[in-house]
Amino acid sequence: MDEARARTSDARARMVADQLLARDIRDPRVIAAMDAVPREAFVAGTLREQAYGDHPLPIGAGQTISQPYIVARMTELLAVGRGDRVLEVGTGSGYQAAVLAELGCVVMSVERSAALAAEASERLARLGYGDRVTVVSGDGTLGFADGAPWDGILVAAAAPEVPEALRTQLGDGRRLVIPVGSRRQQLLLVVERHGSEWLERSDGPCVFVPLIGAAGWRD
């Protein structure tokens, strides 16, 4: 292993220990997925030294790659596993989709920015996730009805309220994880469907970029 790869491997191990295990991320499948995905491949070259820092990073088009803890926590809260079909809203760099793919999920990811969607699709294919992740450009606030019902829905941007389309496209007994609130601060909600009822609980405060679309914020 060359020196650069060794530094990256060490940084990833520290991230898992200091940011995930130390903050009670306990699902061993999530830990293994976070340890397997090369986060540095999802950020610009000038930012790669910061790839495993405990903070989000810009990826262009006004979007960010979420901090590692948030990615792990949302994945853990979603409670999905091998073979489950997941709808992701807000592809961004593709990092969250790669983590879900490492869990064995089949992911449909919707990204508002056509440029980011194309870049993420190429990146995921190059890293070996192309058979498990499909990226499309569109309005994620409307979900993706053609694949519904979904075994899990994860939204990586903040909505003013839970979009109705996402509720109705969620499978029975399954979970939707979404930040909801103002543009400046939100609560990370876990929405679980039981027939025609949706149970909601908050996992605590968070801050995400706004979810733009017909059922989200205006650009």
C-alpha atoms as a PDB file:
ATOM      1  CA  MET A   1       0.000   0.000   0.000  1.00  0.00           C
ATOM      2  CA  ASP A   2       1.472   3.363  -0.991  1.00  0.00           C
ATOM      3  CA  GLU A   3       1.738   6.266   1.450  1.00  0.00           C
ATOM      4  CA  ALA A   4      -1.335   8.144   0.152  1.00  0.00           C
ATOM      5  CA  ARG A   5      -3.548   5.056   0.340  1.00  0.00           C
ATOM      6  CA  ALA A   6      -2.248   4.282   3.811  1.00  0.00           C
ATOM      7  CA  ARG A   7      -3.141   7.798   5.006  1.00  0.00           C
ATOM      8  CA  THR A   8      -6.614   7.437   3.528  1.00  0.00           C
ATOM      9  CA  SER A   9      -7.136   4.043   5.131  1.00  0.00           C
ATOM     10  CA  ASP A  10      -6.037   5.422   8.507  1.00  0.00           C
ATOM     11  CA  ALA A  11      -8.335   8.457   8.133  1.00  0.00           C
ATOM     12  CA  ARG A  12     -11.301   6.195   7.358  1.00  0.00           C
ATOM     13  CA  ALA A  13     -10.561   4.006  10.382  1.00  0.00           C
ATOM     14  CA  ARG A  14     -10.387   7.092  12.615  1.00  0.00           C
ATOM     15  CA  MET A  15     -13.663   8.346  11.155  1.00  0.00           C
ATOM     16  CA  VAL A  16     -15.374   5.070  12.028  1.00  0.00           C
ATOM     17  CA  ALA A  17     -13.956   5.040  15.549  1.00  0.00           C
ATOM     18  CA  ASP A  18     -14.238   8.723  16.484  1.00  0.00           C
ATOM     19  CA  GLN A  19     -17.324   9.868  14.591  1.00  0.00           C
ATOM     20  CA  LEU A  20     -19.501   6.752  14.375  1.00  0.00           C
ATOM     21  CA  LEU A  21     -18.775   4.278  17.156  1.00  0.00           C
ATOM     22  CA  ALA A  22     -18.172   7.098  19.630  1.00  0.00           C
ATOM     23  CA  ARG A  23     -21.617   8.500  18.792  1.00  0.00           C
ATOM     24  CA  ASP A  24     -23.492   5.232  19.174  1.00  0.00           C
ATOM     25  CA  ILE A  25     -23.767   4.101  15.573  1.00  0.00           C
ATOM     26  CA  ARG A  26     -24.127   0.425  16.390  1.00  0.00           C
ATOM     27  CA  ASP A  27     -25.455  -1.465  13.360  1.00  0.00           C
ATOM     28  CA  PRO A  28     -22.450  -3.548  12.261  1.00  0.00           C
ATOM     29  CA  ARG A  29     -23.678  -3.554   8.663  1.00  0.00           C
ATOM     30  CA  VAL A  30     -23.696   0.245   8.583  1.00  0.00           C
ATOM     31  CA  ILE A  31     -20.242   0.400  10.166  1.00  0.00           C
ATOM     32  CA  ALA A  32     -18.903  -2.052   7.588  1.00  0.00           C
ATOM     33  CA  ALA A  33     -20.460  -0.093   4.711  1.00  0.00           C
ATOM     34  CA  MET A  34     -19.017   3.204   5.928  1.00  0.00           C
ATOM     35  CA  ASP A  35     -15.622   1.558   6.303  1.00  0.00           C
ATOM     36  CA  ALA A  36     -15.806   0.140   2.773  1.00  0.00           C
ATOM     37  CA  VAL A  37     -16.810   3.192   0.727  1.00  0.00           C
ATOM     38  CA  PRO A  38     -13.880   5.445  -0.310  1.00  0.00           C
ATOM     39  CA  ARG A  39     -15.329   8.824   0.670  1.00  0.00           C
ATOM     40  CA  GLU A  40     -12.360  10.642  -0.878  1.00  0.00           C
ATOM     41  CA  ALA A  41     -13.586   9.516  -4.319  1.00  0.00           C
ATOM     42  CA  PHE A  42     -16.761  11.573  -3.876  1.00  0.00           C
ATOM     43  CA  VAL A  43     -15.160  14.988  -3.326  1.00  0.00           C
ATOM     44  CA  ALA A  44     -13.033  17.259  -5.491  1.00  0.00           C
ATOM     45  CA  GLY A  45      -9.298  16.647  -5.505  1.00  0.00           C
ATOM     46  CA  THR A  46      -8.549  19.853  -3.618  1.00  0.00           C
ATOM     47  CA  LEU A  47     -10.792  18.697  -0.751  1.00  0.00           C
ATOM     48  CA  ARG A  48      -9.674  15.088  -0.502  1.00  0.00           C
ATOM     49  CA  GLU A  49      -7.487  15.766   2.517  1.00  0.00           C
ATOM     50  CA  GLN A  50     -10.707  16.788   4.311  1.00  0.00           C
ATOM     51  CA  ALA A  51     -12.803  13.869   3.065  1.00  0.00           C
ATOM     52  CA  TYR A  52     -13.036  12.179   6.470  1.00  0.00           C
ATOM     53  CA  GLY A  53     -13.495  15.348   8.507  1.00  0.00           C
ATOM     54  CA  ASP A  54     -16.483  15.675  10.832  1.00  0.00           C
ATOM     55  CA  HIS A  55     -18.291  18.153   8.602  1.00  0.00           C
ATOM     56  CA  PRO A  56     -20.032  18.442   5.213  1.00  0.00           C
ATOM     57  CA  LEU A  57     -18.094  19.485   2.120  1.00  0.00           C
ATOM     58  CA  PRO A  58     -19.189  21.402  -0.999  1.00  0.00           C
ATOM     59  CA  ILE A  59     -19.629  19.385  -4.197  1.00  0.00           C
ATOM     60  CA  GLY A  60     -20.845  22.114  -6.570  1.00  0.00           C
ATOM     61  CA  ALA A  61     -24.281  23.354  -7.700  1.00  0.00           C
ATOM     62  CA  GLY A  62     -24.870  24.687  -4.175  1.00  0.00           C
ATOM     63  CA  GLN A  63     -24.926  21.139  -2.770  1.00  0.00           C
ATOM     64  CA  THR A  64     -22.863  19.323  -0.154  1.00  0.00           C
ATOM     65  CA  ILE A  65     -21.772  15.844   0.810  1.00  0.00           C
ATOM     66  CA  SER A  66     -23.115  15.293   4.328  1.00  0.00           C
ATOM     67  CA  GLN A  67     -20.784  14.684   7.242  1.00  0.00           C
ATOM     68  CA  PRO A  68     -20.033  10.985   7.790  1.00  0.00           C
ATOM     69  CA  TYR A  69     -22.053  10.726  11.008  1.00  0.00           C
ATOM     70  CA  ILE A  70     -25.229  12.011   9.357  1.00  0.00           C
ATOM     71  CA  VAL A  71     -24.856   9.550   6.471  1.00  0.00           C
ATOM     72  CA  ALA A  72     -24.385   6.686   8.922  1.00  0.00           C
ATOM     73  CA  ARG A  73     -27.238   7.790  11.172  1.00  0.00           C
ATOM     74  CA  MET A  74     -29.732   8.190   8.332  1.00  0.00           C
ATOM     75  CA  THR A  75     -28.720   4.798   6.968  1.00  0.00           C
ATOM     76  CA  GLU A  76     -29.149   3.186  10.372  1.00  0.00           C
ATOM     77  CA  LEU A  77     -32.544   4.835  10.898  1.00  0.00           C
ATOM     78  CA  LEU A  78     -33.761   3.649   7.486  1.00  0.00           C
ATOM     79  CA  ALA A  79     -33.378   0.031   8.669  1.00  0.00           C
ATOM     80  CA  VAL A  80     -32.977  -1.546   5.232  1.00  0.00           C
ATOM     81  CA  GLY A  81     -30.977  -4.555   4.144  1.00  0.00           C
ATOM     82  CA  ARG A  82     -29.845  -6.776   1.321  1.00  0.00           C
ATOM     83  CA  GLY A  83     -32.242  -6.861  -1.599  1.00  0.00           C
ATOM     84  CA  ASP A  84     -34.362  -3.938  -0.386  1.00  0.00           C
ATOM     85  CA  ARG A  85     -35.318  -1.330  -2.965  1.00  0.00           C
ATOM     86  CA  VAL A  86     -34.558   2.200  -1.798  1.00  0.00           C
ATOM     87  CA  LEU A  87     -35.527   5.562  -3.240  1.00  0.00           C
ATOM     88  CA  GLU A  88     -32.991   8.284  -2.530  1.00  0.00           C
ATOM     89  CA  VAL A  89     -33.920  11.924  -3.094  1.00  0.00           C
ATOM     90  CA  GLY A  90     -30.880  14.135  -3.633  1.00  0.00           C
ATOM     91  CA  THR A  91     -28.044  12.090  -5.125  1.00  0.00           C
ATOM     92  CA  GLY A  92     -25.432  14.802  -4.717  1.00  0.00           C
ATOM     93  CA  SER A  93     -22.026  13.182  -5.099  1.00  0.00           C
ATOM     94  CA  GLY A  94     -23.450   9.648  -4.880  1.00  0.00           C
ATOM     95  CA  TYR A  95     -21.825   8.856  -1.517  1.00  0.00           C
ATOM     96  CA  GLN A  96     -25.021   8.012   0.353  1.00  0.00           C
ATOM     97  CA  ALA A  97     -26.161   5.810  -2.533  1.00  0.00           C
ATOM     98  CA  ALA A  98     -22.837   3.959  -2.424  1.00  0.00           C
ATOM     99  CA  VAL A  99     -23.263   3.280   1.298  1.00  0.00           C
ATOM    100  CA  LEU A 100     -26.746   1.891   0.663  1.00  0.00           C
ATOM    101  CA  ALA A 101     -25.388  -0.234  -2.169  1.00  0.00           C
ATOM    102  CA  GLU A 102     -22.735  -1.631   0.181  1.00  0.00           C
ATOM    103  CA  LEU A 103     -25.620  -2.808   2.378  1.00  0.00           C
ATOM    104  CA  GLY A 104     -26.902  -4.761  -0.607  1.00  0.00           C
ATOM    105  CA  CYS A 105     -29.750  -2.400  -1.431  1.00  0.00           C
ATOM    106  CA  VAL A 106     -30.904  -1.583  -4.955  1.00  0.00           C
ATOM    107  CA  VAL A 107     -31.074   2.205  -5.169  1.00  0.00           C
ATOM    108  CA  MET A 108     -33.035   4.570  -7.411  1.00  0.00           C
ATOM    109  CA  SER A 109     -31.593   8.034  -6.831  1.00  0.00           C
ATOM    110  CA  VAL A 110     -33.192  11.260  -8.064  1.00  0.00           C
ATOM    111  CA  GLU A 111     -31.074  14.411  -8.411  1.00  0.00           C
ATOM    112  CA  ARG A 112     -32.382  17.869  -9.376  1.00  0.00           C
ATOM    113  CA  SER A 113     -29.107  18.967 -10.989  1.00  0.00           C
ATOM    114  CA  ALA A 114     -28.564  17.198 -14.308  1.00  0.00           C
ATOM    115  CA  ALA A 115     -24.819  17.878 -14.098  1.00  0.00           C
ATOM    116  CA  LEU A 116     -24.501  16.350 -10.615  1.00  0.00           C
ATOM    117  CA  ALA A 117     -26.645  13.398 -11.679  1.00  0.00           C
ATOM    118  CA  ALA A 118     -24.375  12.664 -14.632  1.00  0.00           C
ATOM    119  CA  GLU A 119     -21.221  13.004 -12.541  1.00  0.00           C
ATOM    120  CA  ALA A 120     -22.582  10.791  -9.763  1.00  0.00           C
ATOM    121  CA  SER A 121     -23.732   8.132 -12.209  1.00  0.00           C
ATOM    122  CA  GLU A 122     -20.306   7.971 -13.847  1.00  0.00           C
ATOM    123  CA  ARG A 123     -18.538   7.932 -10.470  1.00  0.00           C
ATOM    124  CA  LEU A 124     -20.716   5.159  -9.058  1.00  0.00           C
ATOM    125  CA  ALA A 125     -20.211   3.042 -12.163  1.00  0.00           C
ATOM    126  CA  ARG A 126     -16.452   3.556 -12.028  1.00  0.00           C
ATOM    127  CA  LEU A 127     -16.360   2.479  -8.375  1.00  0.00           C
ATOM    128  CA  GLY A 128     -18.338  -0.680  -9.076  1.00  0.00           C
ATOM    129  CA  TYR A 129     -21.795   0.362  -7.860  1.00  0.00           C
ATOM    130  CA  GLY A 130     -23.413   0.790 -11.275  1.00  0.00           C
ATOM    131  CA  ASP A 131     -25.310  -2.498 -11.060  1.00  0.00           C
ATOM    132  CA  ARG A 132     -26.986  -1.470  -7.789  1.00  0.00           C
ATOM    133  CA  VAL A 133     -27.561   2.278  -8.235  1.00  0.00           C
ATOM    134  CA  THR A 134     -29.530   4.078 -10.944  1.00  0.00           C
ATOM    135  CA  VAL A 135     -29.322   7.873 -11.010  1.00  0.00           C
ATOM    136  CA  VAL A 136     -31.895  10.011 -12.799  1.00  0.00           C
ATOM    137  CA  SER A 137     -32.355  13.761 -13.058  1.00  0.00           C
ATOM    138  CA  GLY A 138     -35.707  15.117 -11.927  1.00  0.00           C
ATOM    139  CA  ASP A 139     -37.868  16.567  -9.154  1.00  0.00           C
ATOM    140  CA  GLY A 140     -37.327  14.275  -6.207  1.00  0.00           C
ATOM    141  CA  THR A 141     -40.105  15.906  -4.194  1.00  0.00           C
ATOM    142  CA  LEU A 142     -42.483  13.961  -6.452  1.00  0.00           C
ATOM    143  CA  GLY A 143     -40.732  10.688  -5.683  1.00  0.00           C
ATOM    144  CA  PHE A 144     -40.456   8.016  -8.356  1.00  0.00           C
ATOM    145  CA  ALA A 145     -43.839   6.387  -8.774  1.00  0.00           C
ATOM    146  CA  ASP A 146     -42.732   3.794 -11.327  1.00  0.00           C
ATOM    147  CA  GLY A 147     -40.828   1.884  -8.661  1.00  0.00           C
ATOM    148  CA  ALA A 148     -43.279   2.267  -5.778  1.00  0.00           C
ATOM    149  CA  PRO A 149     -43.872   0.981  -3.202  1.00  0.00           C
ATOM    150  CA  TRP A 150     -40.322   1.456  -1.919  1.00  0.00           C
ATOM    151  CA  ASP A 151     -38.748  -0.521   0.927  1.00  0.00           C
ATOM    152  CA  GLY A 152     -37.185   2.702   2.177  1.00  0.00           C
ATOM    153  CA  ILE A 153     -37.009   6.355   1.170  1.00  0.00           C
ATOM    154  CA  LEU A 154     -34.118   8.589   2.193  1.00  0.00           C
ATOM    155  CA  VAL A 155     -34.146  12.336   1.524  1.00  0.00           C
ATOM    156  CA  ALA A 156     -30.801  14.135   1.657  1.00  0.00           C
ATOM    157  CA  ALA A 157     -32.166  17.701   1.617  1.00  0.00           C
ATOM    158  CA  ALA A 158     -34.446  19.694   3.907  1.00  0.00           C
ATOM    159  CA  ALA A 159     -38.170  19.969   3.171  1.00  0.00           C
ATOM    160  CA  PRO A 160     -40.665  22.424   4.691  1.00  0.00           C
ATOM    161  CA  GLU A 161     -42.942  19.412   5.261  1.00  0.00           C
ATOM    162  CA  VAL A 162     -43.035  15.749   4.294  1.00  0.00           C
ATOM    163  CA  PRO A 163     -43.989  15.580   0.586  1.00  0.00           C
ATOM    164  CA  GLU A 164     -47.247  13.671   0.163  1.00  0.00           C
ATOM    165  CA  ALA A 165     -45.909  11.738  -2.825  1.00  0.00           C
ATOM    166  CA  LEU A 166     -43.154  10.256  -0.678  1.00  0.00           C
ATOM    167  CA  ARG A 167     -45.644   9.149   1.956  1.00  0.00           C
ATOM    168  CA  THR A 168     -47.828   7.361  -0.555  1.00  0.00           C
ATOM    169  CA  GLN A 169     -44.873   5.712  -2.322  1.00  0.00           C
ATOM    170  CA  LEU A 170     -43.547   4.186   0.902  1.00  0.00           C
ATOM    171  CA  GLY A 171     -44.137   0.476   1.436  1.00  0.00           C
ATOM    172  CA  ASP A 172     -46.214  -0.764   4.356  1.00  0.00           C
ATOM    173  CA  GLY A 173     -44.143  -1.205   7.499  1.00  0.00           C
ATOM    174  CA  ARG A 174     -41.256   0.700   5.913  1.00  0.00           C
ATOM    175  CA  ARG A 175     -39.460   3.937   6.771  1.00  0.00           C
ATOM    176  CA  LEU A 176     -38.914   7.362   5.252  1.00  0.00           C
ATOM    177  CA  VAL A 177     -36.037   9.399   6.719  1.00  0.00           C
ATOM    178  CA  ILE A 178     -36.177  13.114   5.941  1.00  0.00           C
ATOM    179  CA  PRO A 179     -35.043  16.444   7.450  1.00  0.00           C
ATOM    180  CA  VAL A 180     -38.025  18.780   7.882  1.00  0.00           C
ATOM    181  CA  GLY A 181     -38.115  22.377   9.076  1.00  0.00           C
ATOM    182  CA  SER A 182     -36.957  25.825   8.048  1.00  0.00           C
ATOM    183  CA  ARG A 183     -34.195  26.582   5.567  1.00  0.00           C
ATOM    184  CA  ARG A 184     -31.765  27.117   8.445  1.00  0.00           C
ATOM    185  CA  GLN A 185     -32.518  24.273  10.829  1.00  0.00           C
ATOM    186  CA  GLN A 186     -34.539  21.090  10.726  1.00  0.00           C
ATOM    187  CA  LEU A 187     -35.470  17.971  12.651  1.00  0.00           C
ATOM    188  CA  LEU A 188     -34.489  14.604  11.242  1.00  0.00           C
ATOM    189  CA  LEU A 189     -37.802  12.774  11.007  1.00  0.00           C
ATOM    190  CA  VAL A 190     -38.399   9.047  10.785  1.00  0.00           C
ATOM    191  CA  VAL A 191     -41.777   8.355   9.167  1.00  0.00           C
ATOM    192  CA  GLU A 192     -43.063   4.780   9.355  1.00  0.00           C
ATOM    193  CA  ARG A 193     -46.064   3.610   7.362  1.00  0.00           C
ATOM    194  CA  HIS A 194     -48.712   1.296   8.746  1.00  0.00           C
ATOM    195  CA  GLY A 195     -51.459   0.944   6.190  1.00  0.00           C
ATOM    196  CA  SER A 196     -53.099   4.351   5.866  1.00  0.00           C
ATOM    197  CA  GLU A 197     -51.336   5.718   8.945  1.00  0.00           C
ATOM    198  CA  TRP A 198     -47.870   7.266   9.158  1.00  0.00           C
ATOM    199  CA  LEU A 199     -46.106   7.408  12.510  1.00  0.00           C
ATOM    200  CA  GLU A 200     -43.539  10.175  12.898  1.00  0.00           C
ATOM    201  CA  ARG A 201     -40.736  10.711  15.391  1.00  0.00           C
ATOM    202  CA  SER A 202     -37.801  13.075  15.531  1.00  0.00           C
ATOM    203  CA  ASP A 203     -34.214  11.910  15.831  1.00  0.00           C
ATOM    204  CA  GLY A 204     -33.060  15.399  16.721  1.00  0.00           C
ATOM    205  CA  PRO A 205     -31.909  18.654  15.094  1.00  0.00           C
ATOM    206  CA  CYS A 206     -29.911  18.789  11.873  1.00  0.00           C
ATOM    207  CA  VAL A 207     -28.984  21.196   9.075  1.00  0.00           C
ATOM    208  CA  PHE A 208     -29.295  20.316   5.372  1.00  0.00           C
ATOM    209  CA  VAL A 209     -29.378  22.243   2.113  1.00  0.00           C
ATOM    210  CA  PRO A 210     -32.977  22.971   1.002  1.00  0.00           C
ATOM    211  CA  LEU A 211     -35.012  20.465  -0.991  1.00  0.00           C
ATOM    212  CA  ILE A 212     -36.033  22.325  -4.134  1.00  0.00           C
ATOM    213  CA  GLY A 213     -39.093  21.234  -6.098  1.00  0.00           C
ATOM    214  CA  ALA A 214     -42.839  21.263  -6.495  1.00  0.00           C
ATOM    215  CA  ALA A 215     -43.365  19.857  -2.975  1.00  0.00           C
ATOM    216  CA  GLY A 216     -40.302  21.506  -1.448  1.00  0.00           C
ATOM    217  CA  TRP A 217     -38.767  24.962  -1.406  1.00  0.00           C
ATOM    218  CA  ARG A 218     -38.703  27.333  -4.339  1.00  0.00           C
ATOM    219  CA  ASP A 219     -35.313  27.859  -5.950  1.00  0.00           C
END
